[in-house]
Amino acid sequence: MDSVLKVMVWLIVGTSMFVWLGCSDHKTSIPIEFPEYEPQLVVQAAVGPISGAEATIGWSLPLHGQPGEVPTHPNLSVFLLEDERRVQQFSAHPDSTGYFSISPDQLKLNQGMAYALELLFEDTKESLFSEVDYLPAEPVMKDAQASIDIDIPAWYELSLMQAPAEKGVGAISILPILLNGAGVPTVKSGLEAYFRSPEFRYVDGGNLLQRNVQIRGSREIRSNEVSTELGHNLDVRLVYLSSGLARFRKEVDALGYFGESIYQTVRPIYSNIPGAVGVFGVYNEASATVPIIDIPKE
């Protein structure tokens, strides 16, 4: 989650922009008067039935050269709500300030229930609540098969059929995760990984049609700095994301212009946590372990 959170932090505090005008080899810098730094609580949280729940919470940062001190991290308790009732508390990680999680075996998500995030400030006993989100339909993956690429043996070819789904899916992500020799995934699953998958596309709440998918990828697993091994199994994830999570990702995508033109205005991105800046959402997952088989050449 950290990279997406960093994008949010820069967007929130980016109320001024640097302008450098250059002519041939001569450059003149124009001094900027920074606005006063006003810290805002930045939150990114998501929950899925297989990956569990994660929440990354921290203060926005001042721009480089902007005066101001970042407050100490608030003393927080974080809860998952189901229909306005606390159903599970997130565990804080002492070695990672601002990171909270719930393991999958402590979760039971239900269709049709309204889920939300509660941030309880222990010092004041005041709470912030996200807007509600709903679990998308359960993804159905069929006929998942993988084989070693005949022409490039260090690569694999994966095929699967994604079954149709009714309305309510904001986006779909397909992520093949290589398993090492001990059967351990080489990529940590979760919202950040699903956002980054090349097989990510928007559905925008419409009907999701049946689709046959073909994916190629490398089998190489770096075991240390100098050696690699070839993976023989995949953990294939098919993920349906809620409309809120899809909207957040789409607005981050739309900021791809940032840095291309210094004259464009930084605009805010979707937030559904009143009193803070950030997003909470729910996604649904299907998982299948698929062996990468070797098909002899004829």
C-alpha atoms as a PDB file:
ATOM      1  CA  MET A   1       0.000   0.000   0.000  1.00  0.00           C
ATOM      2  CA  ASP A   2       2.871   2.351   0.695  1.00  0.00           C
ATOM      3  CA  SER A   3       3.411   3.588  -2.881  1.00  0.00           C
ATOM      4  CA  VAL A   4      -0.237   4.546  -3.386  1.00  0.00           C
ATOM      5  CA  LEU A   5      -0.261   6.225   0.031  1.00  0.00           C
ATOM      6  CA  LYS A   6       2.803   8.264  -0.980  1.00  0.00           C
ATOM      7  CA  VAL A   7       0.969   9.442  -4.103  1.00  0.00           C
ATOM      8  CA  MET A   8      -1.912  10.574  -1.900  1.00  0.00           C
ATOM      9  CA  VAL A   9       0.421  12.426   0.481  1.00  0.00           C
ATOM     10  CA  TRP A  10       2.032  14.385  -2.326  1.00  0.00           C
ATOM     11  CA  LEU A  11      -1.308  15.251  -3.888  1.00  0.00           C
ATOM     12  CA  ILE A  12      -2.769  16.467  -0.617  1.00  0.00           C
ATOM     13  CA  VAL A  13       0.087  18.802   0.253  1.00  0.00           C
ATOM     14  CA  GLY A  14       0.791  19.882  -3.320  1.00  0.00           C
ATOM     15  CA  THR A  15      -1.102  23.168  -3.198  1.00  0.00           C
ATOM     16  CA  SER A  16       1.842  25.051  -4.712  1.00  0.00           C
ATOM     17  CA  MET A  17       4.094  24.080  -7.599  1.00  0.00           C
ATOM     18  CA  PHE A  18       7.667  24.915  -8.517  1.00  0.00           C
ATOM     19  CA  VAL A  19       8.263  26.914 -11.691  1.00  0.00           C
ATOM     20  CA  TRP A  20      11.638  26.988 -13.352  1.00  0.00           C
ATOM     21  CA  LEU A  21      12.026  29.024 -16.542  1.00  0.00           C
ATOM     22  CA  GLY A  22      15.015  28.271 -18.732  1.00  0.00           C
ATOM     23  CA  CYS A  23      16.531  29.842 -21.782  1.00  0.00           C
ATOM     24  CA  SER A  24      19.459  28.052 -23.429  1.00  0.00           C
ATOM     25  CA  ASP A  25      21.987  27.388 -20.593  1.00  0.00           C
ATOM     26  CA  HIS A  26      20.748  30.163 -18.325  1.00  0.00           C
ATOM     27  CA  LYS A  27      18.129  29.230 -15.712  1.00  0.00           C
ATOM     28  CA  THR A  28      16.409  31.535 -13.258  1.00  0.00           C
ATOM     29  CA  SER A  29      14.654  30.183 -10.176  1.00  0.00           C
ATOM     30  CA  ILE A  30      11.586  32.002  -8.926  1.00  0.00           C
ATOM     31  CA  PRO A  31      11.141  31.889  -5.140  1.00  0.00           C
ATOM     32  CA  ILE A  32       7.913  30.367  -3.893  1.00  0.00           C
ATOM     33  CA  GLU A  33       5.997  31.418  -0.824  1.00  0.00           C
ATOM     34  CA  PHE A  34       4.683  28.213   0.686  1.00  0.00           C
ATOM     35  CA  PRO A  35       1.257  28.121   2.265  1.00  0.00           C
ATOM     36  CA  GLU A  36       1.170  27.122   5.902  1.00  0.00           C
ATOM     37  CA  TYR A  37       1.567  23.381   6.380  1.00  0.00           C
ATOM     38  CA  GLU A  38      -1.674  21.884   7.618  1.00  0.00           C
ATOM     39  CA  PRO A  39      -1.328  18.187   8.476  1.00  0.00           C
ATOM     40  CA  GLN A  40      -4.135  15.912   7.371  1.00  0.00           C
ATOM     41  CA  LEU A  41      -4.683  12.311   8.339  1.00  0.00           C
ATOM     42  CA  VAL A  42      -4.184  10.083   5.286  1.00  0.00           C
ATOM     43  CA  VAL A  43      -5.801   6.637   5.243  1.00  0.00           C
ATOM     44  CA  GLN A  44      -5.777   3.742   2.825  1.00  0.00           C
ATOM     45  CA  ALA A  45      -7.642   0.624   3.929  1.00  0.00           C
ATOM     46  CA  ALA A  46      -9.135  -2.369   2.182  1.00  0.00           C
ATOM     47  CA  VAL A  47     -10.456  -5.796   3.054  1.00  0.00           C
ATOM     48  CA  GLY A  48     -10.726  -9.062   1.110  1.00  0.00           C
ATOM     49  CA  PRO A  49     -11.692 -12.581   2.227  1.00  0.00           C
ATOM     50  CA  ILE A  50      -8.411 -14.289   1.202  1.00  0.00           C
ATOM     51  CA  SER A  51      -5.822 -11.533   1.699  1.00  0.00           C
ATOM     52  CA  GLY A  52      -7.358 -10.164   4.900  1.00  0.00           C
ATOM     53  CA  ALA A  53      -7.627  -6.504   5.857  1.00  0.00           C
ATOM     54  CA  GLU A  54      -4.937  -3.814   5.825  1.00  0.00           C
ATOM     55  CA  ALA A  55      -4.948  -0.160   6.849  1.00  0.00           C
ATOM     56  CA  THR A  56      -2.088   2.292   6.410  1.00  0.00           C
ATOM     57  CA  ILE A  57      -2.563   5.528   8.345  1.00  0.00           C
ATOM     58  CA  GLY A  58      -0.275   8.543   8.649  1.00  0.00           C
ATOM     59  CA  TRP A  59      -0.036  12.324   8.507  1.00  0.00           C
ATOM     60  CA  SER A  60       0.449  14.198   5.260  1.00  0.00           C
ATOM     61  CA  LEU A  61       3.964  15.557   4.867  1.00  0.00           C
ATOM     62  CA  PRO A  62       5.141  19.116   4.147  1.00  0.00           C
ATOM     63  CA  LEU A  63       6.666  19.773   0.749  1.00  0.00           C
ATOM     64  CA  HIS A  64      10.423  19.986   0.518  1.00  0.00           C
ATOM     65  CA  GLY A  65      11.343  23.400   1.876  1.00  0.00           C
ATOM     66  CA  GLN A  66       7.931  24.018   3.442  1.00  0.00           C
ATOM     67  CA  PRO A  67       8.162  24.888   7.142  1.00  0.00           C
ATOM     68  CA  GLY A  68       6.173  22.841   9.607  1.00  0.00           C
ATOM     69  CA  GLU A  69       6.401  19.818  11.874  1.00  0.00           C
ATOM     70  CA  VAL A  70       4.691  16.496  11.276  1.00  0.00           C
ATOM     71  CA  PRO A  71       2.625  15.591  14.365  1.00  0.00           C
ATOM     72  CA  THR A  72       3.360  12.441  16.309  1.00  0.00           C
ATOM     73  CA  HIS A  73       1.334   9.451  15.200  1.00  0.00           C
ATOM     74  CA  PRO A  74      -2.069   9.395  16.899  1.00  0.00           C
ATOM     75  CA  ASN A  75      -2.898   6.696  19.434  1.00  0.00           C
ATOM     76  CA  LEU A  76      -5.451   4.797  17.360  1.00  0.00           C
ATOM     77  CA  SER A  77      -7.612   1.733  17.546  1.00  0.00           C
ATOM     78  CA  VAL A  78      -8.994   0.603  14.191  1.00  0.00           C
ATOM     79  CA  PHE A  79     -12.167  -1.439  13.707  1.00  0.00           C
ATOM     80  CA  LEU A  80     -14.018  -3.095  10.843  1.00  0.00           C
ATOM     81  CA  LEU A  81     -17.746  -2.406  11.015  1.00  0.00           C
ATOM     82  CA  GLU A  82     -20.540  -4.523   9.564  1.00  0.00           C
ATOM     83  CA  ASP A  83     -23.922  -2.781   9.404  1.00  0.00           C
ATOM     84  CA  GLU A  84     -22.640  -0.147  11.896  1.00  0.00           C
ATOM     85  CA  ARG A  85     -21.480  -2.799  14.377  1.00  0.00           C
ATOM     86  CA  ARG A  86     -17.871  -3.561  15.296  1.00  0.00           C
ATOM     87  CA  VAL A  87     -17.039  -7.072  14.132  1.00  0.00           C
ATOM     88  CA  GLN A  88     -13.230  -7.141  14.258  1.00  0.00           C
ATOM     89  CA  GLN A  89     -10.382  -4.963  15.539  1.00  0.00           C
ATOM     90  CA  PHE A  90      -7.281  -4.435  13.414  1.00  0.00           C
ATOM     91  CA  SER A  91      -3.961  -5.422  15.012  1.00  0.00           C
ATOM     92  CA  ALA A  92      -1.275  -2.741  15.210  1.00  0.00           C
ATOM     93  CA  HIS A  93       2.221  -3.686  14.054  1.00  0.00           C
ATOM     94  CA  PRO A  94       4.839  -2.336  16.500  1.00  0.00           C
ATOM     95  CA  ASP A  95       7.631  -2.556  13.910  1.00  0.00           C
ATOM     96  CA  SER A  96       5.652  -0.530  11.337  1.00  0.00           C
ATOM     97  CA  THR A  97       4.045   2.619  12.721  1.00  0.00           C
ATOM     98  CA  GLY A  98       0.658   3.318  11.182  1.00  0.00           C
ATOM     99  CA  TYR A  99       0.145  -0.158   9.731  1.00  0.00           C
ATOM    100  CA  PHE A 100      -2.809  -2.250  10.951  1.00  0.00           C
ATOM    101  CA  SER A 101      -4.144  -5.582   9.727  1.00  0.00           C
ATOM    102  CA  ILE A 102      -6.622  -8.426  10.231  1.00  0.00           C
ATOM    103  CA  SER A 103      -5.624 -11.941   9.194  1.00  0.00           C
ATOM    104  CA  PRO A 104      -7.959 -13.764   6.780  1.00  0.00           C
ATOM    105  CA  ASP A 105      -8.833 -16.459   9.323  1.00  0.00           C
ATOM    106  CA  GLN A 106     -10.365 -13.769  11.540  1.00  0.00           C
ATOM    107  CA  LEU A 107     -12.648 -12.477   8.772  1.00  0.00           C
ATOM    108  CA  LYS A 108     -16.056 -13.521   7.554  1.00  0.00           C
ATOM    109  CA  LEU A 109     -17.440 -11.195   4.897  1.00  0.00           C
ATOM    110  CA  ASN A 110     -21.057 -11.443   3.776  1.00  0.00           C
ATOM    111  CA  GLN A 111     -22.878 -10.330   0.662  1.00  0.00           C
ATOM    112  CA  GLY A 112     -25.334  -7.481   1.138  1.00  0.00           C
ATOM    113  CA  MET A 113     -23.784  -6.215   4.390  1.00  0.00           C
ATOM    114  CA  ALA A 114     -22.557  -2.622   4.670  1.00  0.00           C
ATOM    115  CA  TYR A 115     -18.877  -2.481   5.700  1.00  0.00           C
ATOM    116  CA  ALA A 116     -17.049   0.558   7.048  1.00  0.00           C
ATOM    117  CA  LEU A 117     -13.869   1.564   8.863  1.00  0.00           C
ATOM    118  CA  GLU A 118     -13.760   3.174  12.307  1.00  0.00           C
ATOM    119  CA  LEU A 119     -10.726   5.087  13.595  1.00  0.00           C
ATOM    120  CA  LEU A 120     -10.931   5.561  17.369  1.00  0.00           C
ATOM    121  CA  PHE A 121      -8.597   8.190  18.845  1.00  0.00           C
ATOM    122  CA  GLU A 122      -7.888   6.673  22.249  1.00  0.00           C
ATOM    123  CA  ASP A 123      -6.765   9.934  23.876  1.00  0.00           C
ATOM    124  CA  THR A 124     -10.033  11.758  23.156  1.00  0.00           C
ATOM    125  CA  LYS A 125     -12.371   8.771  22.582  1.00  0.00           C
ATOM    126  CA  GLU A 126     -13.530  10.428  19.354  1.00  0.00           C
ATOM    127  CA  SER A 127     -14.038   8.393  16.190  1.00  0.00           C
ATOM    128  CA  LEU A 128     -13.863   8.923  12.447  1.00  0.00           C
ATOM    129  CA  PHE A 129     -15.954   6.693  10.196  1.00  0.00           C
ATOM    130  CA  SER A 130     -15.610   5.884   6.521  1.00  0.00           C
ATOM    131  CA  GLU A 131     -18.563   5.712   4.197  1.00  0.00           C
ATOM    132  CA  VAL A 132     -19.942   2.214   3.709  1.00  0.00           C
ATOM    133  CA  ASP A 133     -18.854  -0.219   1.008  1.00  0.00           C
ATOM    134  CA  TYR A 134     -20.192  -3.583  -0.126  1.00  0.00           C
ATOM    135  CA  LEU A 135     -18.606  -6.914  -0.978  1.00  0.00           C
ATOM    136  CA  PRO A 136     -18.723  -7.486  -4.760  1.00  0.00           C
ATOM    137  CA  ALA A 137     -19.928 -10.759  -6.260  1.00  0.00           C
ATOM    138  CA  GLU A 138     -17.773 -13.833  -5.724  1.00  0.00           C
ATOM    139  CA  PRO A 139     -15.386 -14.243  -8.683  1.00  0.00           C
ATOM    140  CA  VAL A 140     -15.608 -17.513 -10.602  1.00  0.00           C
ATOM    141  CA  MET A 141     -12.522 -18.760 -12.443  1.00  0.00           C
ATOM    142  CA  LYS A 142     -12.679 -21.856 -14.656  1.00  0.00           C
ATOM    143  CA  ASP A 143     -10.260 -23.983 -16.694  1.00  0.00           C
ATOM    144  CA  ALA A 144      -7.098 -22.334 -15.368  1.00  0.00           C
ATOM    145  CA  GLN A 145      -4.087 -24.008 -17.003  1.00  0.00           C
ATOM    146  CA  ALA A 146      -0.420 -23.048 -17.263  1.00  0.00           C
ATOM    147  CA  SER A 147       2.426 -24.433 -19.336  1.00  0.00           C
ATOM    148  CA  ILE A 148       6.067 -23.669 -19.991  1.00  0.00           C
ATOM    149  CA  ASP A 149       6.526 -21.447 -23.033  1.00  0.00           C
ATOM    150  CA  ILE A 150       7.817 -23.734 -25.796  1.00  0.00           C
ATOM    151  CA  ASP A 151      10.037 -21.031 -27.298  1.00  0.00           C
ATOM    152  CA  ILE A 152      11.179 -19.373 -24.042  1.00  0.00           C
ATOM    153  CA  PRO A 153      11.338 -22.019 -21.259  1.00  0.00           C
ATOM    154  CA  ALA A 154      11.966 -19.373 -18.581  1.00  0.00           C
ATOM    155  CA  TRP A 155       8.433 -18.058 -19.247  1.00  0.00           C
ATOM    156  CA  TYR A 156       4.969 -19.518 -18.727  1.00  0.00           C
ATOM    157  CA  GLU A 157       1.670 -19.213 -20.582  1.00  0.00           C
ATOM    158  CA  LEU A 158      -1.522 -19.082 -18.499  1.00  0.00           C
ATOM    159  CA  SER A 159      -5.084 -19.417 -19.764  1.00  0.00           C
ATOM    160  CA  LEU A 160      -8.335 -19.203 -17.815  1.00  0.00           C
ATOM    161  CA  MET A 161     -11.996 -18.396 -18.229  1.00  0.00           C
ATOM    162  CA  GLN A 162     -13.502 -15.625 -16.113  1.00  0.00           C
ATOM    163  CA  ALA A 163     -17.205 -16.336 -15.620  1.00  0.00           C
ATOM    164  CA  PRO A 164     -19.838 -13.586 -16.007  1.00  0.00           C
ATOM    165  CA  ALA A 165     -21.046 -11.558 -13.028  1.00  0.00           C
ATOM    166  CA  GLU A 166     -23.969  -9.280 -12.269  1.00  0.00           C
ATOM    167  CA  LYS A 167     -23.759  -5.539 -11.677  1.00  0.00           C
ATOM    168  CA  GLY A 168     -21.827  -4.130  -8.745  1.00  0.00           C
ATOM    169  CA  VAL A 169     -18.226  -4.787  -9.786  1.00  0.00           C
ATOM    170  CA  GLY A 170     -16.141  -1.639 -10.170  1.00  0.00           C
ATOM    171  CA  ALA A 171     -12.988  -3.245 -11.574  1.00  0.00           C
ATOM    172  CA  ILE A 172     -11.392  -6.621 -12.150  1.00  0.00           C
ATOM    173  CA  SER A 173      -7.803  -7.676 -11.503  1.00  0.00           C
ATOM    174  CA  ILE A 174      -6.090 -10.938 -12.425  1.00  0.00           C
ATOM    175  CA  LEU A 175      -2.787 -11.621 -10.694  1.00  0.00           C
ATOM    176  CA  PRO A 176      -0.668 -14.782 -11.215  1.00  0.00           C
ATOM    177  CA  ILE A 177       1.713 -15.144  -8.232  1.00  0.00           C
ATOM    178  CA  LEU A 178       4.715 -17.462  -8.563  1.00  0.00           C
ATOM    179  CA  LEU A 179       5.257 -19.925  -5.714  1.00  0.00           C
ATOM    180  CA  ASN A 180       8.830 -20.751  -4.738  1.00  0.00           C
ATOM    181  CA  GLY A 181      10.163 -24.244  -4.111  1.00  0.00           C
ATOM    182  CA  ALA A 182       8.687 -24.228  -0.599  1.00  0.00           C
ATOM    183  CA  GLY A 183       5.261 -23.246  -1.931  1.00  0.00           C
ATOM    184  CA  VAL A 184       5.520 -19.704  -0.537  1.00  0.00           C
ATOM    185  CA  PRO A 185       4.083 -16.859  -2.662  1.00  0.00           C
ATOM    186  CA  THR A 186       6.742 -14.521  -4.049  1.00  0.00           C
ATOM    187  CA  VAL A 187       4.359 -11.524  -4.003  1.00  0.00           C
ATOM    188  CA  LYS A 188       2.269 -10.362  -1.060  1.00  0.00           C
ATOM    189  CA  SER A 189      -1.362 -10.341  -2.143  1.00  0.00           C
ATOM    190  CA  GLY A 190      -3.631  -7.437  -1.322  1.00  0.00           C
ATOM    191  CA  LEU A 191      -4.931  -4.185  -2.732  1.00  0.00           C
ATOM    192  CA  GLU A 192      -1.535  -2.781  -3.691  1.00  0.00           C
ATOM    193  CA  ALA A 193      -0.623  -5.899  -5.686  1.00  0.00           C
ATOM    194  CA  TYR A 194      -4.041  -6.035  -7.357  1.00  0.00           C
ATOM    195  CA  PHE A 195      -3.849  -2.357  -8.294  1.00  0.00           C
ATOM    196  CA  ARG A 196      -0.445  -2.935  -9.916  1.00  0.00           C
ATOM    197  CA  SER A 197      -1.419  -6.001 -11.945  1.00  0.00           C
ATOM    198  CA  PRO A 198      -1.090  -5.495 -15.726  1.00  0.00           C
ATOM    199  CA  GLU A 199      -4.377  -7.430 -15.986  1.00  0.00           C
ATOM    200  CA  PHE A 200      -6.432  -4.661 -14.319  1.00  0.00           C
ATOM    201  CA  ARG A 201      -9.449  -3.190 -16.048  1.00  0.00           C
ATOM    202  CA  TYR A 202     -12.499  -1.128 -15.157  1.00  0.00           C
ATOM    203  CA  VAL A 203     -16.037  -2.447 -15.301  1.00  0.00           C
ATOM    204  CA  ASP A 204     -17.757   0.629 -13.809  1.00  0.00           C
ATOM    205  CA  GLY A 205     -20.606  -1.301 -12.223  1.00  0.00           C
ATOM    206  CA  GLY A 206     -21.979  -2.837 -15.405  1.00  0.00           C
ATOM    207  CA  ASN A 207     -22.523  -6.500 -16.193  1.00  0.00           C
ATOM    208  CA  LEU A 208     -19.288  -8.449 -16.373  1.00  0.00           C
ATOM    209  CA  LEU A 209     -19.274 -10.699 -19.425  1.00  0.00           C
ATOM    210  CA  GLN A 210     -17.580 -14.075 -19.684  1.00  0.00           C
ATOM    211  CA  ARG A 211     -14.025 -13.691 -20.935  1.00  0.00           C
ATOM    212  CA  ASN A 212     -11.185 -15.989 -21.925  1.00  0.00           C
ATOM    213  CA  VAL A 213      -7.858 -14.668 -20.678  1.00  0.00           C
ATOM    214  CA  GLN A 214      -4.326 -15.403 -21.898  1.00  0.00           C
ATOM    215  CA  ILE A 215      -1.333 -14.226 -19.828  1.00  0.00           C
ATOM    216  CA  ARG A 216       2.415 -14.685 -20.312  1.00  0.00           C
ATOM    217  CA  GLY A 217       4.948 -14.139 -17.556  1.00  0.00           C
ATOM    218  CA  SER A 218       8.436 -14.921 -16.339  1.00  0.00           C
ATOM    219  CA  ARG A 219       9.062 -18.014 -14.209  1.00  0.00           C
ATOM    220  CA  GLU A 220      12.233 -16.548 -12.700  1.00  0.00           C
ATOM    221  CA  ILE A 221      12.350 -16.165  -8.924  1.00  0.00           C
ATOM    222  CA  ARG A 222      15.277 -14.323  -7.416  1.00  0.00           C
ATOM    223  CA  SER A 223      16.337 -16.349  -4.369  1.00  0.00           C
ATOM    224  CA  ASN A 224      19.187 -13.972  -3.450  1.00  0.00           C
ATOM    225  CA  GLU A 225      21.219 -11.209  -5.052  1.00  0.00           C
ATOM    226  CA  VAL A 226      23.096 -13.503  -7.433  1.00  0.00           C
ATOM    227  CA  SER A 227      20.936 -16.576  -8.102  1.00  0.00           C
ATOM    228  CA  THR A 228      17.479 -17.328  -9.400  1.00  0.00           C
ATOM    229  CA  GLU A 229      15.204 -20.351  -9.601  1.00  0.00           C
ATOM    230  CA  LEU A 230      12.364 -21.172 -11.954  1.00  0.00           C
ATOM    231  CA  GLY A 231       8.864 -21.400 -10.515  1.00  0.00           C
ATOM    232  CA  HIS A 232       6.747 -24.490 -11.167  1.00  0.00           C
ATOM    233  CA  ASN A 233       3.438 -23.387  -9.631  1.00  0.00           C
ATOM    234  CA  LEU A 234       1.192 -20.327  -9.677  1.00  0.00           C
ATOM    235  CA  ASP A 235      -1.316 -18.955  -7.205  1.00  0.00           C
ATOM    236  CA  VAL A 236      -3.752 -17.314  -9.617  1.00  0.00           C
ATOM    237  CA  ARG A 237      -5.975 -14.601  -8.142  1.00  0.00           C
ATOM    238  CA  LEU A 238      -9.169 -13.342  -9.760  1.00  0.00           C
ATOM    239  CA  VAL A 239     -10.368 -10.233  -7.942  1.00  0.00           C
ATOM    240  CA  TYR A 240     -13.511  -8.094  -8.169  1.00  0.00           C
ATOM    241  CA  LEU A 241     -13.106  -4.639  -6.639  1.00  0.00           C
ATOM    242  CA  SER A 242     -15.896  -2.396  -5.375  1.00  0.00           C
ATOM    243  CA  SER A 243     -16.893   0.758  -7.227  1.00  0.00           C
ATOM    244  CA  GLY A 244     -15.248   2.936  -4.567  1.00  0.00           C
ATOM    245  CA  LEU A 245     -11.865   1.247  -4.900  1.00  0.00           C
ATOM    246  CA  ALA A 246     -12.157   1.389  -8.696  1.00  0.00           C
ATOM    247  CA  ARG A 247     -12.941   5.104  -8.588  1.00  0.00           C
ATOM    248  CA  PHE A 248      -9.928   5.750  -6.337  1.00  0.00           C
ATOM    249  CA  ARG A 249      -7.599   3.864  -8.694  1.00  0.00           C
ATOM    250  CA  LYS A 250      -9.082   5.583 -11.762  1.00  0.00           C
ATOM    251  CA  GLU A 251      -8.503   9.045 -10.302  1.00  0.00           C
ATOM    252  CA  VAL A 252      -4.923   8.142  -9.382  1.00  0.00           C
ATOM    253  CA  ASP A 253      -4.461   6.930 -12.987  1.00  0.00           C
ATOM    254  CA  ALA A 254      -5.833  10.225 -14.264  1.00  0.00           C
ATOM    255  CA  LEU A 255      -3.006  12.023 -12.474  1.00  0.00           C
ATOM    256  CA  GLY A 256      -0.486  10.520 -14.872  1.00  0.00           C
ATOM    257  CA  TYR A 257       0.028  14.000 -16.295  1.00  0.00           C
ATOM    258  CA  PHE A 258       1.648  15.141 -13.032  1.00  0.00           C
ATOM    259  CA  GLY A 259       5.121  16.426 -13.826  1.00  0.00           C
ATOM    260  CA  GLU A 260       4.555  16.608 -17.582  1.00  0.00           C
ATOM    261  CA  SER A 261       3.358  20.183 -17.354  1.00  0.00           C
ATOM    262  CA  ILE A 262       4.200  22.380 -14.383  1.00  0.00           C
ATOM    263  CA  TYR A 263       1.254  24.619 -15.276  1.00  0.00           C
ATOM    264  CA  GLN A 264      -1.397  22.002 -14.597  1.00  0.00           C
ATOM    265  CA  THR A 265      -3.225  22.288 -11.290  1.00  0.00           C
ATOM    266  CA  VAL A 266      -3.016  19.470  -8.776  1.00  0.00           C
ATOM    267  CA  ARG A 267      -6.519  18.262  -8.008  1.00  0.00           C
ATOM    268  CA  PRO A 268      -7.795  16.073  -5.155  1.00  0.00           C
ATOM    269  CA  ILE A 269      -8.564  12.394  -5.545  1.00  0.00           C
ATOM    270  CA  TYR A 270     -11.565  10.404  -4.372  1.00  0.00           C
ATOM    271  CA  SER A 271     -11.916  10.147  -0.598  1.00  0.00           C
ATOM    272  CA  ASN A 272     -14.670   8.434   1.389  1.00  0.00           C
ATOM    273  CA  ILE A 273     -13.470   9.077   4.960  1.00  0.00           C
ATOM    274  CA  PRO A 274     -14.944  12.364   6.274  1.00  0.00           C
ATOM    275  CA  GLY A 275     -12.514  14.104   8.624  1.00  0.00           C
ATOM    276  CA  ALA A 276      -9.510  12.475   6.948  1.00  0.00           C
ATOM    277  CA  VAL A 277      -8.273  11.966   3.404  1.00  0.00           C
ATOM    278  CA  GLY A 278      -8.251   8.514   1.893  1.00  0.00           C
ATOM    279  CA  VAL A 279     -10.237   5.486   0.912  1.00  0.00           C
ATOM    280  CA  PHE A 280     -11.737   2.380   2.474  1.00  0.00           C
ATOM    281  CA  GLY A 281     -13.112  -0.386   0.288  1.00  0.00           C
ATOM    282  CA  VAL A 282     -13.960  -4.054  -0.070  1.00  0.00           C
ATOM    283  CA  TYR A 283     -12.932  -6.540  -2.745  1.00  0.00           C
ATOM    284  CA  ASN A 284     -13.713 -10.199  -3.374  1.00  0.00           C
ATOM    285  CA  GLU A 285     -11.168 -12.831  -4.378  1.00  0.00           C
ATOM    286  CA  ALA A 286     -10.892 -16.282  -5.895  1.00  0.00           C
ATOM    287  CA  SER A 287      -7.653 -18.277  -5.753  1.00  0.00           C
ATOM    288  CA  ALA A 288      -6.444 -21.367  -7.626  1.00  0.00           C
ATOM    289  CA  THR A 289      -3.099 -23.157  -7.434  1.00  0.00           C
ATOM    290  CA  VAL A 290      -2.075 -23.970 -11.011  1.00  0.00           C
ATOM    291  CA  PRO A 291       0.966 -26.132 -11.871  1.00  0.00           C
ATOM    292  CA  ILE A 292       3.135 -24.965 -14.761  1.00  0.00           C
ATOM    293  CA  ILE A 293       3.398 -28.107 -16.857  1.00  0.00           C
ATOM    294  CA  ASP A 294       6.020 -28.926 -19.442  1.00  0.00           C
ATOM    295  CA  ILE A 295       4.484 -29.783 -22.821  1.00  0.00           C
ATOM    296  CA  PRO A 296       7.027 -31.681 -24.955  1.00  0.00           C
ATOM    297  CA  LYS A 297       7.660 -30.372 -28.438  1.00  0.00           C
ATOM    298  CA  GLU A 298       6.196 -32.528 -31.155  1.00  0.00           C
END
